[in-house]
């Protein structure tokens, strides 16, 4: 994780020096409080960062940590039944951990990693798949059915596919790519 130093703070905007491998829209963690921010301008080795949390008390010389990833959202079962802040932190989880006011730098998984969902496969062993193919579904509510797809960069033949209750991190299928 690349680290830089803050050179200037002006309200929610922070300038940091030393993020040599940074890209536009990369997410960074600002100061040791790990406030979430996004790079909105690059000029040589200076990065201008929009911080999405209160920056009072943050000053020059403090660290900025690059995640080397753009701001993105997580999709999956549980998404529809949750309420989020603007950077996809579930408000009920944040309230349970920090009370009525969100603690600066608070982190929470966007979807519950422990809850099990019924996965219903629509493909079978031996089927050929590529990225984006729908391999099954998960019913989140009476009206919301999630389509579970083959992840980006994955293709091949389904060697195993399971029907059961799974968490969002469990393996639901094994896909073998003989081309790679």
C-alpha atoms as a PDB file:
ATOM      1  CA  UNK A   1       0.000   0.000   0.000  1.00  0.00           C
ATOM      2  CA  UNK A   2       1.593   3.220  -1.203  1.00  0.00           C
ATOM      3  CA  UNK A   3       1.789   6.029   1.384  1.00  0.00           C
ATOM      4  CA  UNK A   4       1.981   9.807   0.883  1.00  0.00           C
ATOM      5  CA  UNK A   5       2.017  12.882   3.134  1.00  0.00           C
ATOM      6  CA  UNK A   6      -0.629  15.591   3.397  1.00  0.00           C
ATOM      7  CA  UNK A   7       0.632  19.006   2.291  1.00  0.00           C
ATOM      8  CA  UNK A   8      -2.605  21.000   2.539  1.00  0.00           C
ATOM      9  CA  UNK A   9      -6.128  20.730   3.953  1.00  0.00           C
ATOM     10  CA  UNK A  10      -8.988  23.018   2.874  1.00  0.00           C
ATOM     11  CA  UNK A  11     -12.298  21.771   4.244  1.00  0.00           C
ATOM     12  CA  UNK A  12     -13.126  18.440   2.590  1.00  0.00           C
ATOM     13  CA  UNK A  13     -10.256  18.787   0.097  1.00  0.00           C
ATOM     14  CA  UNK A  14      -6.809  17.436   0.916  1.00  0.00           C
ATOM     15  CA  UNK A  15      -3.626  17.637  -1.156  1.00  0.00           C
ATOM     16  CA  UNK A  16      -1.029  14.901  -0.694  1.00  0.00           C
ATOM     17  CA  UNK A  17       2.468  14.452  -2.086  1.00  0.00           C
ATOM     18  CA  UNK A  18       4.090  11.134  -2.912  1.00  0.00           C
ATOM     19  CA  UNK A  19       1.433   8.951  -4.528  1.00  0.00           C
ATOM     20  CA  UNK A  20       3.556   8.061  -7.542  1.00  0.00           C
ATOM     21  CA  UNK A  21       1.358   5.197  -8.788  1.00  0.00           C
ATOM     22  CA  UNK A  22      -1.984   6.880  -8.113  1.00  0.00           C
ATOM     23  CA  UNK A  23      -4.756   7.010 -10.684  1.00  0.00           C
ATOM     24  CA  UNK A  24      -7.752   9.289 -11.017  1.00  0.00           C
ATOM     25  CA  UNK A  25     -10.654   8.189  -8.809  1.00  0.00           C
ATOM     26  CA  UNK A  26      -8.547   5.839  -6.665  1.00  0.00           C
ATOM     27  CA  UNK A  27      -9.856   5.527  -3.111  1.00  0.00           C
ATOM     28  CA  UNK A  28      -7.443   6.616  -0.385  1.00  0.00           C
ATOM     29  CA  UNK A  29      -7.516   6.510   3.410  1.00  0.00           C
ATOM     30  CA  UNK A  30      -6.627   9.935   4.820  1.00  0.00           C
ATOM     31  CA  UNK A  31      -4.661  10.321   8.085  1.00  0.00           C
ATOM     32  CA  UNK A  32      -4.315   7.663  10.756  1.00  0.00           C
ATOM     33  CA  UNK A  33      -8.098   7.976  11.229  1.00  0.00           C
ATOM     34  CA  UNK A  34      -8.416   6.302   7.780  1.00  0.00           C
ATOM     35  CA  UNK A  35     -11.006   8.774   6.466  1.00  0.00           C
ATOM     36  CA  UNK A  36     -12.346   7.713   3.071  1.00  0.00           C
ATOM     37  CA  UNK A  37     -11.424   9.929   0.151  1.00  0.00           C
ATOM     38  CA  UNK A  38     -11.152   9.818  -3.627  1.00  0.00           C
ATOM     39  CA  UNK A  39      -8.463  11.286  -5.883  1.00  0.00           C
ATOM     40  CA  UNK A  40     -10.080  13.983  -8.033  1.00  0.00           C
ATOM     41  CA  UNK A  41      -6.965  15.575  -9.572  1.00  0.00           C
ATOM     42  CA  UNK A  42      -3.382  14.510 -10.266  1.00  0.00           C
ATOM     43  CA  UNK A  43      -0.546  16.925 -11.017  1.00  0.00           C
ATOM     44  CA  UNK A  44       2.892  15.271 -11.099  1.00  0.00           C
ATOM     45  CA  UNK A  45       3.265  13.743  -7.624  1.00  0.00           C
ATOM     46  CA  UNK A  46       0.512  15.863  -6.032  1.00  0.00           C
ATOM     47  CA  UNK A  47      -2.917  14.301  -5.580  1.00  0.00           C
ATOM     48  CA  UNK A  48      -6.002  16.364  -4.786  1.00  0.00           C
ATOM     49  CA  UNK A  49      -8.407  14.300  -2.711  1.00  0.00           C
ATOM     50  CA  UNK A  50     -12.109  14.765  -1.973  1.00  0.00           C
ATOM     51  CA  UNK A  51     -12.620  13.421   1.557  1.00  0.00           C
ATOM     52  CA  UNK A  52     -16.106  12.053   2.227  1.00  0.00           C
ATOM     53  CA  UNK A  53     -15.906  12.551   5.997  1.00  0.00           C
ATOM     54  CA  UNK A  54     -15.238  15.451   8.388  1.00  0.00           C
ATOM     55  CA  UNK A  55     -11.580  16.567   8.132  1.00  0.00           C
ATOM     56  CA  UNK A  56     -11.293  18.702  11.280  1.00  0.00           C
ATOM     57  CA  UNK A  57      -8.076  17.857  13.105  1.00  0.00           C
ATOM     58  CA  UNK A  58      -6.380  16.544   9.948  1.00  0.00           C
ATOM     59  CA  UNK A  59      -3.262  18.473   8.993  1.00  0.00           C
ATOM     60  CA  UNK A  60      -0.076  18.619   6.929  1.00  0.00           C
ATOM     61  CA  UNK A  61       2.413  15.825   7.502  1.00  0.00           C
ATOM     62  CA  UNK A  62      -0.204  13.170   8.210  1.00  0.00           C
ATOM     63  CA  UNK A  63      -0.238  10.035   6.031  1.00  0.00           C
ATOM     64  CA  UNK A  64      -2.464   9.162   3.082  1.00  0.00           C
ATOM     65  CA  UNK A  65      -2.744   5.485   2.166  1.00  0.00           C
ATOM     66  CA  UNK A  66      -3.644   4.429  -1.374  1.00  0.00           C
ATOM     67  CA  UNK A  67      -5.935   1.448  -1.938  1.00  0.00           C
ATOM     68  CA  UNK A  68      -4.994   1.313  -5.656  1.00  0.00           C
ATOM     69  CA  UNK A  69      -8.703   0.760  -6.365  1.00  0.00           C
ATOM     70  CA  UNK A  70     -11.500   3.035  -7.606  1.00  0.00           C
ATOM     71  CA  UNK A  71     -14.589   3.705  -5.538  1.00  0.00           C
ATOM     72  CA  UNK A  72     -16.975   0.867  -6.298  1.00  0.00           C
ATOM     73  CA  UNK A  73     -20.090  -0.731  -4.898  1.00  0.00           C
ATOM     74  CA  UNK A  74     -20.713  -4.315  -3.935  1.00  0.00           C
ATOM     75  CA  UNK A  75     -23.724  -6.082  -5.397  1.00  0.00           C
ATOM     76  CA  UNK A  76     -25.338  -9.171  -3.947  1.00  0.00           C
ATOM     77  CA  UNK A  77     -28.021 -10.651  -1.715  1.00  0.00           C
ATOM     78  CA  UNK A  78     -28.877  -8.356   1.187  1.00  0.00           C
ATOM     79  CA  UNK A  79     -28.342  -5.184  -0.828  1.00  0.00           C
ATOM     80  CA  UNK A  80     -32.028  -4.369  -1.268  1.00  0.00           C
ATOM     81  CA  UNK A  81     -32.932  -4.906   2.388  1.00  0.00           C
ATOM     82  CA  UNK A  82     -30.277  -2.462   3.667  1.00  0.00           C
ATOM     83  CA  UNK A  83     -30.052   1.329   3.887  1.00  0.00           C
ATOM     84  CA  UNK A  84     -26.658   2.889   3.131  1.00  0.00           C
ATOM     85  CA  UNK A  85     -24.773   6.144   3.420  1.00  0.00           C
ATOM     86  CA  UNK A  86     -23.219   7.681   0.283  1.00  0.00           C
ATOM     87  CA  UNK A  87     -20.218   5.333   0.271  1.00  0.00           C
ATOM     88  CA  UNK A  88     -22.199   2.107   0.776  1.00  0.00           C
ATOM     89  CA  UNK A  89     -21.765   1.650   4.496  1.00  0.00           C
ATOM     90  CA  UNK A  90     -24.904   0.050   6.001  1.00  0.00           C
ATOM     91  CA  UNK A  91     -26.426   2.525   8.444  1.00  0.00           C
ATOM     92  CA  UNK A  92     -27.843  -0.117  10.800  1.00  0.00           C
ATOM     93  CA  UNK A  93     -24.392  -1.688  11.230  1.00  0.00           C
ATOM     94  CA  UNK A  94     -22.761   1.727  11.767  1.00  0.00           C
ATOM     95  CA  UNK A  95     -25.415   2.688  14.332  1.00  0.00           C
ATOM     96  CA  UNK A  96     -24.832  -0.551  16.249  1.00  0.00           C
ATOM     97  CA  UNK A  97     -21.079   0.099  16.391  1.00  0.00           C
ATOM     98  CA  UNK A  98     -20.954   3.874  16.896  1.00  0.00           C
ATOM     99  CA  UNK A  99     -24.395   5.146  17.914  1.00  0.00           C
ATOM    100  CA  UNK A 100     -26.501   7.852  16.268  1.00  0.00           C
ATOM    101  CA  UNK A 101     -23.491   9.671  14.799  1.00  0.00           C
ATOM    102  CA  UNK A 102     -21.150   7.849  12.420  1.00  0.00           C
ATOM    103  CA  UNK A 103     -17.611   7.657  13.787  1.00  0.00           C
ATOM    104  CA  UNK A 104     -15.038   9.096  11.382  1.00  0.00           C
ATOM    105  CA  UNK A 105     -13.185   6.348   9.555  1.00  0.00           C
ATOM    106  CA  UNK A 106     -15.873   3.773  10.380  1.00  0.00           C
ATOM    107  CA  UNK A 107     -15.885   0.721   8.134  1.00  0.00           C
ATOM    108  CA  UNK A 108     -18.524  -1.938   7.558  1.00  0.00           C
ATOM    109  CA  UNK A 109     -19.095  -4.599   4.917  1.00  0.00           C
ATOM    110  CA  UNK A 110     -21.758  -3.529   2.421  1.00  0.00           C
ATOM    111  CA  UNK A 111     -23.462  -6.924   2.530  1.00  0.00           C
ATOM    112  CA  UNK A 112     -23.643  -9.333   5.458  1.00  0.00           C
ATOM    113  CA  UNK A 113     -20.826 -11.885   5.184  1.00  0.00           C
ATOM    114  CA  UNK A 114     -22.420 -14.317   7.668  1.00  0.00           C
ATOM    115  CA  UNK A 115     -26.021 -14.564   6.477  1.00  0.00           C
ATOM    116  CA  UNK A 116     -26.802 -17.647   4.399  1.00  0.00           C
ATOM    117  CA  UNK A 117     -28.933 -17.446   1.263  1.00  0.00           C
ATOM    118  CA  UNK A 118     -30.623 -20.208  -0.761  1.00  0.00           C
ATOM    119  CA  UNK A 119     -28.718 -20.552  -4.052  1.00  0.00           C
ATOM    120  CA  UNK A 120     -30.664 -22.136  -6.911  1.00  0.00           C
ATOM    121  CA  UNK A 121     -28.402 -23.165  -9.826  1.00  0.00           C
ATOM    122  CA  UNK A 122     -29.785 -22.800 -13.354  1.00  0.00           C
ATOM    123  CA  UNK A 123     -26.797 -24.427 -15.061  1.00  0.00           C
ATOM    124  CA  UNK A 124     -25.296 -27.861 -14.537  1.00  0.00           C
ATOM    125  CA  UNK A 125     -21.994 -29.676 -14.435  1.00  0.00           C
ATOM    126  CA  UNK A 126     -20.401 -29.717 -17.904  1.00  0.00           C
ATOM    127  CA  UNK A 127     -21.956 -26.448 -19.107  1.00  0.00           C
ATOM    128  CA  UNK A 128     -19.552 -23.962 -20.716  1.00  0.00           C
ATOM    129  CA  UNK A 129     -19.610 -20.428 -19.281  1.00  0.00           C
ATOM    130  CA  UNK A 130     -17.958 -17.040 -19.763  1.00  0.00           C
ATOM    131  CA  UNK A 131     -17.836 -13.860 -17.661  1.00  0.00           C
ATOM    132  CA  UNK A 132     -21.323 -12.470 -17.079  1.00  0.00           C
ATOM    133  CA  UNK A 133     -23.222 -15.708 -17.688  1.00  0.00           C
ATOM    134  CA  UNK A 134     -25.988 -16.300 -15.142  1.00  0.00           C
ATOM    135  CA  UNK A 135     -25.328 -19.527 -13.234  1.00  0.00           C
ATOM    136  CA  UNK A 136     -28.087 -19.301 -10.647  1.00  0.00           C
ATOM    137  CA  UNK A 137     -30.370 -17.152  -8.531  1.00  0.00           C
ATOM    138  CA  UNK A 138     -30.913 -16.095  -4.931  1.00  0.00           C
ATOM    139  CA  UNK A 139     -34.341 -14.919  -3.760  1.00  0.00           C
ATOM    140  CA  UNK A 140     -33.821 -11.964  -1.380  1.00  0.00           C
ATOM    141  CA  UNK A 141     -37.481 -11.079  -0.939  1.00  0.00           C
ATOM    142  CA  UNK A 142     -40.844 -11.947  -2.446  1.00  0.00           C
ATOM    143  CA  UNK A 143     -40.145  -9.550  -5.336  1.00  0.00           C
ATOM    144  CA  UNK A 144     -36.333  -9.427  -5.578  1.00  0.00           C
ATOM    145  CA  UNK A 145     -34.458 -12.297  -7.185  1.00  0.00           C
ATOM    146  CA  UNK A 146     -30.703 -11.813  -7.657  1.00  0.00           C
ATOM    147  CA  UNK A 147     -29.056 -13.311 -10.721  1.00  0.00           C
ATOM    148  CA  UNK A 148     -25.661 -14.740  -9.791  1.00  0.00           C
ATOM    149  CA  UNK A 149     -23.123 -14.369 -12.596  1.00  0.00           C
ATOM    150  CA  UNK A 150     -19.719 -15.748 -13.512  1.00  0.00           C
ATOM    151  CA  UNK A 151     -17.152 -13.160 -12.302  1.00  0.00           C
ATOM    152  CA  UNK A 152     -15.158 -11.008 -14.696  1.00  0.00           C
ATOM    153  CA  UNK A 153     -12.129 -12.813 -16.127  1.00  0.00           C
ATOM    154  CA  UNK A 154     -13.527 -16.306 -15.501  1.00  0.00           C
ATOM    155  CA  UNK A 155     -14.551 -18.715 -18.256  1.00  0.00           C
ATOM    156  CA  UNK A 156     -14.539 -22.435 -18.850  1.00  0.00           C
ATOM    157  CA  UNK A 157     -16.508 -25.554 -17.994  1.00  0.00           C
ATOM    158  CA  UNK A 158     -18.522 -26.006 -14.812  1.00  0.00           C
ATOM    159  CA  UNK A 159     -16.903 -28.888 -12.921  1.00  0.00           C
ATOM    160  CA  UNK A 160     -19.137 -28.598  -9.842  1.00  0.00           C
ATOM    161  CA  UNK A 161     -22.166 -26.460  -8.992  1.00  0.00           C
ATOM    162  CA  UNK A 162     -23.930 -26.648  -5.646  1.00  0.00           C
ATOM    163  CA  UNK A 163     -27.520 -26.112  -4.485  1.00  0.00           C
ATOM    164  CA  UNK A 164     -27.625 -25.153  -0.812  1.00  0.00           C
ATOM    165  CA  UNK A 165     -27.543 -22.218   1.605  1.00  0.00           C
ATOM    166  CA  UNK A 166     -24.421 -20.076   1.167  1.00  0.00           C
ATOM    167  CA  UNK A 167     -22.864 -16.853   2.395  1.00  0.00           C
ATOM    168  CA  UNK A 168     -21.802 -14.278  -0.200  1.00  0.00           C
ATOM    169  CA  UNK A 169     -18.185 -15.458   0.176  1.00  0.00           C
ATOM    170  CA  UNK A 170     -18.788 -19.213  -0.169  1.00  0.00           C
ATOM    171  CA  UNK A 171     -17.867 -21.139  -3.315  1.00  0.00           C
ATOM    172  CA  UNK A 172     -21.011 -22.056  -5.264  1.00  0.00           C
ATOM    173  CA  UNK A 173     -19.351 -23.514  -8.366  1.00  0.00           C
ATOM    174  CA  UNK A 174     -15.994 -24.699  -9.661  1.00  0.00           C
ATOM    175  CA  UNK A 175     -15.127 -23.608 -13.196  1.00  0.00           C
ATOM    176  CA  UNK A 176     -12.150 -25.097 -15.029  1.00  0.00           C
ATOM    177  CA  UNK A 177     -10.482 -23.160 -17.835  1.00  0.00           C
ATOM    178  CA  UNK A 178      -8.383 -25.477 -19.987  1.00  0.00           C
ATOM    179  CA  UNK A 179      -7.367 -22.585 -22.269  1.00  0.00           C
ATOM    180  CA  UNK A 180      -5.250 -20.830 -19.635  1.00  0.00           C
END
